Protein backbone atom coordinates (compact mmCIF):
# COMPACT_ATOMS: atom_id res chain seq x y z
CA MET A 1 13.17 -54.94 -7.50
CA LYS A 2 10.15 -54.00 -5.37
CA THR A 3 9.97 -50.65 -7.16
CA VAL A 4 10.09 -52.26 -10.62
CA SER A 5 7.55 -54.90 -9.58
CA MET A 6 5.16 -52.28 -8.24
CA LEU A 7 5.27 -50.16 -11.36
CA LEU A 8 4.80 -53.21 -13.63
CA VAL A 9 1.75 -54.32 -11.69
CA VAL A 10 0.25 -50.83 -11.61
CA SER A 11 0.87 -50.45 -15.35
CA LEU A 12 -0.84 -53.77 -16.09
CA ALA A 13 -3.78 -52.76 -13.94
CA LEU A 14 -4.06 -49.48 -15.79
CA LEU A 15 -3.92 -51.21 -19.19
CA GLY A 16 -6.89 -53.28 -18.09
CA LEU A 17 -8.79 -50.14 -17.11
CA ALA A 18 -8.01 -48.49 -20.45
CA GLY A 19 -9.41 -51.48 -22.33
CA CYS A 20 -12.79 -51.48 -20.58
CA GLY A 21 -13.37 -47.96 -19.35
CA GLY A 22 -12.49 -48.75 -15.74
CA ASN A 23 -15.41 -51.19 -15.40
CA ASN A 24 -13.43 -54.42 -15.06
CA ASN A 25 -14.70 -55.17 -11.59
CA ASN A 26 -15.80 -58.74 -12.41
CA SER A 27 -13.29 -59.95 -15.02
CA ASN A 28 -10.13 -59.57 -12.96
CA ALA A 29 -11.52 -61.49 -10.00
CA ALA A 30 -12.62 -64.34 -12.27
CA ASN A 31 -9.36 -64.49 -14.22
CA ASN A 32 -7.24 -64.53 -11.07
CA GLY A 33 -9.28 -67.17 -9.31
CA ASN A 34 -10.45 -64.74 -6.63
CA THR A 35 -14.12 -65.71 -6.72
CA ALA A 36 -13.94 -67.16 -3.22
CA SER A 37 -12.35 -63.99 -1.88
CA THR A 38 -15.04 -61.87 -3.55
CA ASP A 39 -17.76 -64.07 -2.05
CA ALA A 40 -16.09 -63.73 1.33
CA ASN A 41 -16.17 -59.97 1.04
CA ALA A 42 -19.85 -60.08 0.19
CA THR A 43 -20.48 -62.27 3.23
CA ASN A 44 -18.50 -59.94 5.47
CA THR A 45 -20.55 -56.98 4.25
CA LYS A 46 -23.82 -58.87 4.87
CA ASN A 47 -22.75 -59.85 8.37
CA THR A 48 -21.85 -56.25 9.14
CA LYS A 49 -25.26 -55.08 7.94
CA ASP A 50 -27.04 -57.66 10.06
CA THR A 51 -25.16 -57.01 13.30
CA LYS A 52 -25.13 -53.68 15.11
CA ALA A 53 -22.92 -53.03 18.09
CA LYS A 54 -24.72 -53.57 21.38
CA ASP A 55 -22.80 -50.69 22.92
CA PRO A 56 -21.95 -48.23 20.12
CA VAL A 57 -18.67 -46.33 20.41
CA THR A 58 -17.14 -43.28 18.73
CA LEU A 59 -13.84 -44.04 17.01
CA SER A 60 -11.17 -41.40 16.50
CA PHE A 61 -9.58 -41.35 13.02
CA VAL A 62 -6.60 -39.03 12.51
CA ILE A 63 -5.52 -37.84 9.04
CA PRO A 64 -3.30 -35.06 7.60
CA ASN A 65 -5.28 -32.01 6.50
CA THR A 66 -3.77 -32.44 3.03
CA VAL A 67 -6.01 -35.48 2.52
CA ASP A 68 -9.54 -35.02 1.19
CA THR A 69 -12.05 -35.98 3.90
CA ALA A 70 -15.10 -36.28 1.61
CA PRO A 71 -14.75 -39.99 0.68
CA PHE A 72 -14.02 -40.95 4.28
CA THR A 73 -17.05 -39.02 5.51
CA GLN A 74 -19.27 -41.01 3.14
CA LEU A 75 -17.81 -44.35 4.18
CA PHE A 76 -18.08 -43.54 7.87
CA GLY A 77 -21.71 -42.55 7.41
CA GLU A 78 -22.41 -46.01 6.00
CA PHE A 79 -20.41 -47.61 8.80
CA GLU A 80 -22.57 -45.87 11.40
CA LYS A 81 -25.79 -46.95 9.64
CA GLN A 82 -24.69 -50.57 9.57
CA THR A 83 -22.94 -50.91 12.94
CA GLY A 84 -24.11 -48.05 15.13
CA ASN A 85 -20.50 -46.99 15.70
CA LYS A 86 -19.51 -43.43 14.83
CA VAL A 87 -16.17 -42.16 13.51
CA GLU A 88 -14.79 -38.77 14.47
CA LEU A 89 -12.35 -37.30 11.92
CA GLN A 90 -9.39 -35.35 13.31
CA ALA A 91 -7.29 -33.48 10.70
CA LEU A 92 -3.78 -32.42 11.72
CA PRO A 93 -1.51 -30.04 9.75
CA GLY A 94 0.11 -31.97 6.90
CA GLY A 95 3.56 -30.47 7.38
CA GLU A 96 3.67 -31.35 11.09
CA PHE A 97 1.71 -34.59 10.93
CA ASP A 98 4.62 -36.97 11.54
CA ASN A 99 5.95 -35.04 14.52
CA MET A 100 2.49 -34.62 16.01
CA MET A 101 1.79 -38.35 15.72
CA LYS A 102 5.13 -39.20 17.35
CA THR A 103 4.26 -36.79 20.17
CA ARG A 104 0.85 -38.40 20.66
CA PHE A 105 2.46 -41.82 20.80
CA SER A 106 5.05 -40.67 23.35
CA THR A 107 2.33 -39.23 25.60
CA GLY A 108 -0.06 -42.17 25.25
CA ASP A 109 -2.66 -40.13 23.36
CA PHE A 110 -3.50 -42.89 20.89
CA PRO A 111 -6.17 -42.53 18.19
CA ASP A 112 -8.20 -45.61 17.35
CA LEU A 113 -7.08 -45.43 13.73
CA PHE A 114 -4.85 -43.13 11.71
CA LEU A 115 -3.75 -42.58 8.13
CA MET A 116 0.01 -42.52 7.66
CA GLN A 117 2.30 -42.01 4.69
CA PRO A 118 3.20 -45.17 2.74
CA GLY A 119 6.23 -47.35 3.20
CA THR A 120 8.01 -49.33 5.88
CA LYS A 121 10.04 -46.34 7.08
CA GLN A 122 7.01 -45.44 9.20
CA TYR A 123 7.54 -48.65 11.17
CA VAL A 124 10.89 -47.38 12.43
CA LYS A 125 9.44 -43.99 13.30
CA LEU A 126 6.54 -45.42 15.33
CA ARG A 127 8.25 -48.49 16.86
CA ALA A 128 5.72 -50.61 15.04
CA ASP A 129 6.69 -53.96 16.55
CA GLU A 130 5.74 -52.59 19.98
CA MET A 131 3.00 -50.08 19.19
CA LEU A 132 0.99 -51.14 16.10
CA ARG A 133 -1.32 -53.95 15.07
CA GLU A 134 0.29 -56.47 12.68
CA TRP A 135 -1.75 -57.46 9.60
CA SER A 136 0.30 -59.91 7.50
CA GLY A 137 -1.71 -63.01 8.40
CA ASP A 138 -5.17 -61.45 7.95
CA VAL A 139 -6.45 -63.07 4.72
CA ASP A 140 -9.59 -60.90 4.55
CA VAL A 141 -7.50 -57.75 4.34
CA TRP A 142 -5.34 -58.81 1.37
CA ALA A 143 -7.95 -60.61 -0.75
CA ARG A 144 -8.39 -57.78 -3.29
CA ILE A 145 -5.30 -55.59 -2.87
CA ILE A 146 -2.77 -55.70 -5.74
CA PRO A 147 0.15 -57.84 -4.47
CA SER A 148 2.79 -55.15 -5.12
CA MET A 149 0.97 -52.90 -2.65
CA LYS A 150 1.38 -55.60 0.01
CA ASP A 151 5.05 -55.97 -0.88
CA ALA A 152 5.61 -52.22 -0.47
CA GLN A 153 4.36 -52.47 3.13
CA THR A 154 6.27 -55.62 4.15
CA LEU A 155 9.37 -55.52 6.34
CA ASP A 156 10.92 -58.78 7.53
CA GLY A 157 7.64 -60.52 6.80
CA LYS A 158 5.61 -58.11 8.93
CA ILE A 159 2.97 -55.57 7.86
CA TYR A 160 1.78 -52.85 10.23
CA GLY A 161 -0.19 -50.71 7.78
CA VAL A 162 -3.02 -51.51 5.35
CA PRO A 163 -2.72 -49.58 2.06
CA TYR A 164 -5.81 -47.55 1.24
CA GLY A 165 -6.67 -45.11 -1.51
CA ALA A 166 -4.91 -44.74 -4.84
CA THR A 167 -1.47 -44.56 -6.37
CA GLY A 168 -0.56 -40.91 -5.90
CA MET A 169 1.13 -38.43 -8.25
CA TYR A 170 3.30 -35.33 -7.88
CA GLY A 171 4.14 -32.77 -10.53
CA VAL A 172 3.14 -29.43 -12.02
CA PHE A 173 -0.57 -28.64 -12.23
CA TYR A 174 -1.50 -25.79 -14.56
CA ASN A 175 -4.49 -23.75 -15.70
CA LYS A 176 -5.10 -24.56 -19.38
CA ASP A 177 -6.89 -21.26 -20.05
CA VAL A 178 -3.89 -19.27 -18.82
CA PHE A 179 -1.58 -21.28 -21.07
CA THR A 180 -3.88 -20.78 -24.06
CA LYS A 181 -4.08 -17.01 -23.55
CA ALA A 182 -0.30 -16.80 -23.25
CA GLY A 183 0.13 -18.95 -26.37
CA VAL A 184 2.25 -21.60 -24.63
CA GLU A 185 2.30 -25.40 -24.35
CA PRO A 186 3.69 -27.69 -21.61
CA PRO A 187 7.50 -27.49 -21.59
CA LYS A 188 9.89 -29.75 -23.50
CA ASN A 189 12.73 -29.16 -20.99
CA TYR A 190 13.55 -26.95 -17.99
CA ALA A 191 14.82 -23.97 -20.02
CA ASP A 192 11.54 -24.09 -21.92
CA LEU A 193 9.64 -23.95 -18.60
CA ILE A 194 11.45 -20.72 -17.66
CA GLU A 195 10.61 -19.13 -21.02
CA ILE A 196 6.97 -20.17 -20.66
CA ALA A 197 6.87 -18.61 -17.18
CA LYS A 198 8.29 -15.34 -18.52
CA LYS A 199 5.65 -15.19 -21.27
CA ILE A 200 2.88 -15.83 -18.74
CA LYS A 201 4.23 -13.11 -16.46
CA ALA A 202 4.12 -10.69 -19.42
CA THR A 203 0.34 -11.26 -19.61
CA GLY A 204 -0.08 -10.07 -16.01
CA VAL A 205 -0.57 -13.54 -14.50
CA THR A 206 1.63 -14.99 -11.73
CA PRO A 207 3.59 -17.89 -13.30
CA PHE A 208 4.08 -19.96 -10.10
CA TYR A 209 2.30 -19.94 -6.75
CA GLU A 210 4.08 -21.39 -3.72
CA GLY A 211 2.65 -22.14 -0.25
CA VAL A 212 5.67 -21.12 1.81
CA LYS A 213 3.69 -20.20 4.94
CA ASP A 214 2.14 -23.66 5.15
CA GLY A 215 5.59 -25.09 4.61
CA TRP A 216 4.93 -28.53 3.16
CA PRO A 217 4.01 -27.40 -0.39
CA ALA A 218 7.48 -25.89 -0.92
CA GLN A 219 9.06 -29.35 -0.57
CA ILE A 220 7.26 -30.68 -3.64
CA PHE A 221 9.50 -28.66 -5.99
CA TYR A 222 12.39 -30.87 -4.81
CA LEU A 223 10.52 -34.18 -4.68
CA THR A 224 9.29 -33.73 -8.24
CA GLY A 225 12.62 -32.33 -9.35
CA TRP A 226 14.51 -35.29 -7.85
CA VAL A 227 13.12 -37.99 -10.17
CA SER A 228 13.76 -35.95 -13.32
CA ASN A 229 17.15 -34.51 -12.36
CA VAL A 230 18.83 -36.46 -9.55
CA ASP A 231 17.76 -40.06 -10.26
CA PRO A 232 19.21 -40.04 -13.81
CA ALA A 233 22.54 -38.86 -12.37
CA ILE A 234 22.95 -41.30 -9.46
CA GLY A 235 20.72 -44.21 -10.55
CA ASP A 236 19.16 -46.85 -8.32
CA GLU A 237 22.67 -47.78 -7.16
CA GLY A 238 23.17 -44.25 -5.86
CA VAL A 239 19.85 -44.32 -4.03
CA ALA A 240 20.88 -47.60 -2.37
CA LYS A 241 24.12 -45.92 -1.25
CA LEU A 242 22.17 -42.98 0.18
CA GLN A 243 20.17 -45.49 2.18
CA THR A 244 23.34 -46.69 3.94
CA ASN A 245 25.15 -43.32 3.91
CA GLU A 246 27.84 -44.51 1.46
CA LEU A 247 26.83 -41.62 -0.79
CA LYS A 248 26.48 -38.28 0.95
CA MET A 249 23.70 -35.86 0.09
CA ASN A 250 26.23 -33.02 -0.11
CA ASN A 251 28.11 -34.87 -2.89
CA ILE A 252 25.30 -34.68 -5.45
CA PRO A 253 25.69 -31.60 -7.69
CA GLU A 254 22.33 -32.26 -9.37
CA LEU A 255 20.61 -31.96 -5.98
CA LYS A 256 22.33 -28.67 -5.22
CA ASN A 257 21.22 -27.50 -8.67
CA LEU A 258 17.58 -27.84 -7.59
CA PHE A 259 18.21 -25.20 -4.90
CA THR A 260 19.84 -23.05 -7.59
CA LYS A 261 16.82 -23.52 -9.85
CA GLN A 262 14.37 -22.44 -7.16
CA LYS A 263 16.54 -19.42 -6.32
CA GLU A 264 16.33 -18.47 -10.00
CA LEU A 265 12.51 -18.51 -9.85
CA ILE A 266 12.66 -16.22 -6.83
CA ASP A 267 15.18 -13.83 -8.43
CA LEU A 268 13.23 -13.64 -11.70
CA GLY A 269 10.05 -12.70 -9.83
CA LEU A 270 8.18 -15.73 -11.11
CA TYR A 271 6.43 -16.41 -7.79
CA GLN A 272 3.47 -14.47 -6.40
CA ASP A 273 3.98 -11.25 -4.45
CA ASN A 274 4.59 -11.83 -0.72
CA VAL A 275 5.46 -15.49 -1.35
CA LEU A 276 6.23 -16.00 2.35
CA ALA A 277 2.51 -15.66 3.11
CA GLY A 278 1.51 -18.31 0.58
CA THR A 279 -0.92 -21.02 1.72
CA PHE A 280 -2.30 -24.22 0.21
CA ASP A 281 -5.82 -22.80 0.32
CA GLU A 282 -4.90 -19.63 -1.55
CA MET A 283 -2.89 -21.74 -3.99
CA GLN A 284 -6.10 -23.49 -5.03
CA THR A 285 -7.96 -20.18 -5.39
CA MET A 286 -5.24 -18.50 -7.43
CA LEU A 287 -4.89 -21.47 -9.79
CA GLY A 288 -8.64 -21.94 -10.20
CA GLU A 289 -9.29 -18.25 -10.85
CA GLY A 290 -6.47 -18.07 -13.39
CA LYS A 291 -4.46 -15.61 -11.31
CA ALA A 292 -1.63 -18.13 -11.11
CA ALA A 293 -0.64 -20.41 -13.97
CA MET A 294 1.22 -23.28 -12.30
CA VAL A 295 1.75 -24.98 -8.94
CA PHE A 296 4.09 -27.76 -7.83
CA ASN A 297 1.80 -30.08 -5.91
CA LEU A 298 0.37 -33.52 -5.28
CA ASP A 299 -2.89 -35.02 -6.46
CA GLY A 300 -4.61 -34.04 -3.20
CA ILE A 301 -5.17 -30.68 -4.87
CA ILE A 302 -7.57 -32.23 -7.41
CA PRO A 303 -10.57 -32.81 -5.09
CA GLN A 304 -9.93 -29.45 -3.44
CA LEU A 305 -10.14 -27.70 -6.81
CA GLU A 306 -13.28 -29.64 -7.65
CA LYS A 307 -14.90 -28.47 -4.41
CA LYS A 308 -14.12 -24.84 -5.19
CA PHE A 309 -14.54 -24.71 -8.96
CA GLY A 310 -16.57 -27.75 -9.93
CA LYS A 311 -15.98 -30.96 -11.87
CA GLU A 312 -15.99 -29.11 -15.19
CA PHE A 313 -12.89 -27.16 -14.16
CA VAL A 314 -11.03 -30.35 -13.18
CA ASN A 315 -12.05 -32.10 -16.40
CA ASP A 316 -11.57 -29.25 -18.86
CA LYS A 317 -9.30 -26.58 -17.37
CA LEU A 318 -6.75 -28.46 -15.25
CA GLY A 319 -3.56 -29.79 -16.84
CA PHE A 320 -0.51 -31.66 -15.61
CA PHE A 321 3.11 -32.17 -16.63
CA PRO A 322 6.20 -33.56 -14.84
CA PHE A 323 9.01 -31.39 -13.51
CA PRO A 324 11.19 -31.21 -16.65
CA SER A 325 14.86 -32.10 -16.79
CA ASP A 326 17.47 -30.02 -18.58
CA THR A 327 17.11 -32.26 -21.63
CA ASP A 328 13.53 -33.53 -21.81
CA GLN A 329 9.97 -33.32 -20.42
CA GLY A 330 10.94 -35.18 -17.25
CA VAL A 331 9.45 -38.00 -15.22
CA ALA A 332 6.21 -38.12 -13.24
CA VAL A 333 6.40 -38.93 -9.53
CA VAL A 334 4.12 -41.71 -8.31
CA THR A 335 3.56 -42.86 -4.73
CA PRO A 336 2.01 -45.90 -3.09
CA PRO A 337 -1.20 -45.05 -1.24
CA ASN A 338 -1.30 -44.02 2.40
CA GLN A 339 -1.75 -46.75 4.98
CA LEU A 340 -4.27 -47.35 7.75
CA MET A 341 -2.70 -48.07 11.14
CA ILE A 342 -4.16 -49.11 14.50
CA PRO A 343 -2.24 -48.63 17.78
CA THR A 344 -2.30 -51.77 19.91
CA GLN A 345 -3.19 -49.57 22.89
CA ALA A 346 -6.09 -47.84 21.13
CA LYS A 347 -9.19 -47.57 23.30
CA HIS A 348 -11.43 -49.13 20.63
CA ALA A 349 -8.89 -51.28 18.74
CA ASP A 350 -11.35 -54.11 17.98
CA ALA A 351 -13.94 -51.72 16.54
CA ALA A 352 -11.16 -50.05 14.51
CA VAL A 353 -10.27 -53.44 12.96
CA GLU A 354 -13.93 -53.89 12.09
CA LEU A 355 -13.90 -50.45 10.44
CA VAL A 356 -10.82 -51.24 8.32
CA LYS A 357 -12.35 -54.47 7.04
CA PHE A 358 -15.60 -52.63 6.31
CA MET A 359 -13.65 -50.03 4.30
CA LEU A 360 -12.01 -52.81 2.25
CA THR A 361 -15.27 -54.33 0.99
CA LYS A 362 -15.92 -53.79 -2.72
CA GLU A 363 -19.02 -51.72 -2.03
CA MET A 364 -17.01 -49.29 0.07
CA THR A 365 -13.93 -49.12 -2.19
CA ASP A 366 -16.18 -48.36 -5.16
CA MET A 367 -17.82 -45.63 -3.08
CA TYR A 368 -14.38 -44.28 -2.19
CA TYR A 369 -13.22 -44.09 -5.82
CA ALA A 370 -16.51 -42.53 -6.91
CA ALA A 371 -15.82 -39.70 -4.45
CA ALA A 372 -12.04 -39.57 -5.01
CA PRO A 373 -11.06 -41.04 -8.39
CA GLY A 374 -7.49 -42.25 -8.59
CA ILE A 375 -5.23 -44.99 -9.94
CA PRO A 376 -6.67 -47.93 -7.97
CA ILE A 377 -4.90 -50.49 -5.76
CA PHE A 378 -7.70 -53.07 -5.83
CA GLU A 379 -7.80 -55.67 -8.61
CA ASP A 380 -11.54 -55.36 -9.27
CA ALA A 381 -11.95 -51.63 -8.62
CA LYS A 382 -14.45 -49.50 -10.48
CA VAL A 383 -13.03 -46.04 -11.14
CA ASP A 384 -13.17 -43.25 -13.71
CA LEU A 385 -9.95 -41.25 -13.96
CA VAL A 386 -9.94 -37.48 -14.46
CA PRO A 387 -7.77 -36.16 -17.33
CA VAL A 388 -4.70 -35.26 -15.23
CA GLN A 389 -4.70 -38.77 -13.77
CA GLN A 390 -4.99 -40.16 -17.29
CA THR A 391 -1.90 -38.12 -18.20
CA VAL A 392 0.06 -39.83 -15.43
CA LYS A 393 -1.33 -43.22 -16.42
CA ASP A 394 0.02 -42.63 -19.91
CA LEU A 395 3.41 -41.66 -18.50
CA ILE A 396 3.49 -44.83 -16.37
CA GLU A 397 2.75 -46.94 -19.44
CA ALA A 398 5.48 -45.10 -21.36
CA GLY A 399 8.02 -45.83 -18.64
CA LYS A 400 8.20 -42.15 -17.68
CA SER A 401 7.42 -42.45 -13.97
CA LYS A 402 9.34 -43.12 -10.77
CA ILE A 403 8.38 -43.72 -7.15
CA ASN A 404 8.86 -40.69 -4.90
CA ILE A 405 12.37 -40.70 -3.44
CA GLN A 406 11.06 -40.34 0.12
CA ASN A 407 9.21 -43.64 -0.33
CA ARG A 408 12.51 -45.31 -1.27
CA LEU A 409 14.62 -44.06 1.63
CA THR A 410 14.27 -44.85 5.33
CA PRO A 411 15.95 -41.64 6.59
CA VAL A 412 13.73 -38.61 5.99
CA PHE A 413 14.44 -35.11 4.74
CA ALA A 414 14.21 -33.81 8.30
CA ASP A 415 13.01 -30.26 9.00
CA PHE A 416 12.88 -29.67 5.25
CA GLN A 417 9.91 -27.30 5.25
CA LYS A 418 11.49 -25.08 7.91
CA LEU A 419 14.76 -25.10 5.98
CA LEU A 420 12.92 -23.95 2.84
CA GLN A 421 11.06 -21.20 4.67
CA ILE A 422 14.45 -19.82 5.72
CA PHE A 423 15.76 -20.32 2.18
CA PHE A 424 12.93 -18.17 0.77
CA ILE A 425 14.04 -15.42 3.18
CA ASP A 426 17.82 -15.48 2.81
CA GLY A 427 18.26 -17.13 -0.60
CA ASP A 428 21.50 -18.82 0.50
CA VAL A 429 21.88 -21.87 -1.77
CA ASP A 430 25.08 -23.16 -0.15
CA LYS A 431 23.64 -22.96 3.37
CA ALA A 432 20.33 -24.60 2.42
CA TYR A 433 22.10 -27.44 0.61
CA LYS A 434 24.54 -28.00 3.48
CA ASP A 435 21.75 -27.99 6.09
CA PHE A 436 19.65 -30.36 3.99
CA ALA A 437 22.47 -32.90 3.86
CA ALA A 438 23.25 -32.51 7.57
CA ASN A 439 19.59 -33.00 8.55
CA TYR A 440 19.35 -36.17 6.46
CA GLU A 441 22.42 -37.65 8.14
CA LYS A 442 21.17 -36.58 11.57
CA ASP A 443 17.87 -38.40 10.99
CA GLY A 444 19.69 -41.57 9.95
CA LYS A 445 21.79 -41.44 13.11
CA SER A 446 18.77 -40.84 15.33
CA LYS A 447 17.19 -44.00 13.93
CA LEU A 448 20.41 -45.98 14.40
CA LEU A 449 20.39 -47.01 10.75
CA GLU A 450 23.18 -48.94 9.13
CA GLY A 451 25.97 -46.65 7.95
CA PHE A 452 24.81 -43.65 9.99
CA LYS A 453 26.14 -44.62 13.43
C-alpha cells in the first residue's frame, strides 16, 4: 500500500509540473493550505541569515562517490556565508559505502551528517533507535515534503532519516547518435535488444559498457531486470514472502534467467574488451564519445555526463529506456530519494540539525534542483526536467514504473558486487545464482529478521 501510495502521489505531482512547466511553486502551497508552513520557512531562512555562529565549526558530511557533489557544494557555500560554519564533504566508494559506514559506527568515528540510501532497512543496519537522531515530531522538517516520502521513511512511528533530493531512476541509458547511425530504435522486448546490440557491434561500436572493476555498476543489470522480469512472475505477494523467507530466492526461475541473460551478453562479445577493468568513470567517457552505445545505470550518471560533455549532450544526445521483458518494453525502476542522517554522538550534532533545516528551505531546494534537476519530493519545488527524466515521468504516468526491489526488502543482496565480479570471470550461472540466494538468507539471519532465524 505504501508503494502504491507513493507512486500515486509522485504521479500527481508530476502531472502538476507538466501542466505549468515545473513552475508551480506557489499554487500547490496555496491549494493545500500550507501558507503558514511556507511563511515559517521564510522566517527560518531570515533568522539564519541574521545570526552567525559565535564559534564557527567545520561539519563533516559523508556521501557515496556515486552522488553528484555539485549541488551540495553550492548549498554549503551559502550555509557558510549565512552562519559562518563550514561543511567538509567526504566521498566514500559507492559499492562499499554501507560497510564503511557500519565500520565507522562500530569504531565511534561518527560524521556530523551523512547521506544514506532510502528506506527503513537502514534503521536495522545502523541500530537507529540507539545511534541516530529521530525526526518524526519536527514540524519544520516535514512542512513541504510530499507525504508519501515521509511514509517511506517511517517505521513504527519513528523516522531517523530526512529524505532529500529527487525520485531516482534506473534503466538503460544510450547514445542517440550511435543508435541513429546503426539504424536502430529502443527495443520492444528483450530479444529485440539483443538484435539491436548485434547491429551496433557490426558498426564497430561497443554495444554495452559495464563497470565490473568498480563493482557496484554491475548490480544494476539485475535491479533493472528484476522489475520487468521477476516482479510480473511473483507479484507483490511474492515480494512479501521474500521479506519473511517464505519464498526462497533460489526458487525463482525468472531471477536465475537474469544471470543467464548476462552470461549471453558476455558470450556474444557485446561488452567492451577487458570488461573486468571497467570503471564508472570510463563508462561515462565511452558513452559520451559514442564508443559505447548503452549502459545499465542510475540517474547519477546524468550530471556526470553533463560535466564531461555539456548540457547539450544530456538534452539532445542522451536517451533512456527500461530493461525490457521477454514480451514488452519493460518497466522503469524508480527509487525514493536518499536520506540525511545525524548520529546522536556526532561532535557537532546541533549544527548538523541547523544545516538540515537550512537545506530544506525553499531557496535552497530550488538551488539544489537547479544544479541537479530531478523528479522533486517537495510540493512547491521549481524544477526543469531533462529529457531522460521526462521519459521516466511519462512511464510513471502510464503505470510502467516500479520501486526498486532493494527499497522494498529489508534483507539486502549481500556481497552482490563481489559475486558478480567472480561471475564475470568464471561465467558459472548455477554457482552465482546459488550464492546470491545464500547471501540473501545469510543477511536476513544476521539481522534476526522474522522467518530467517
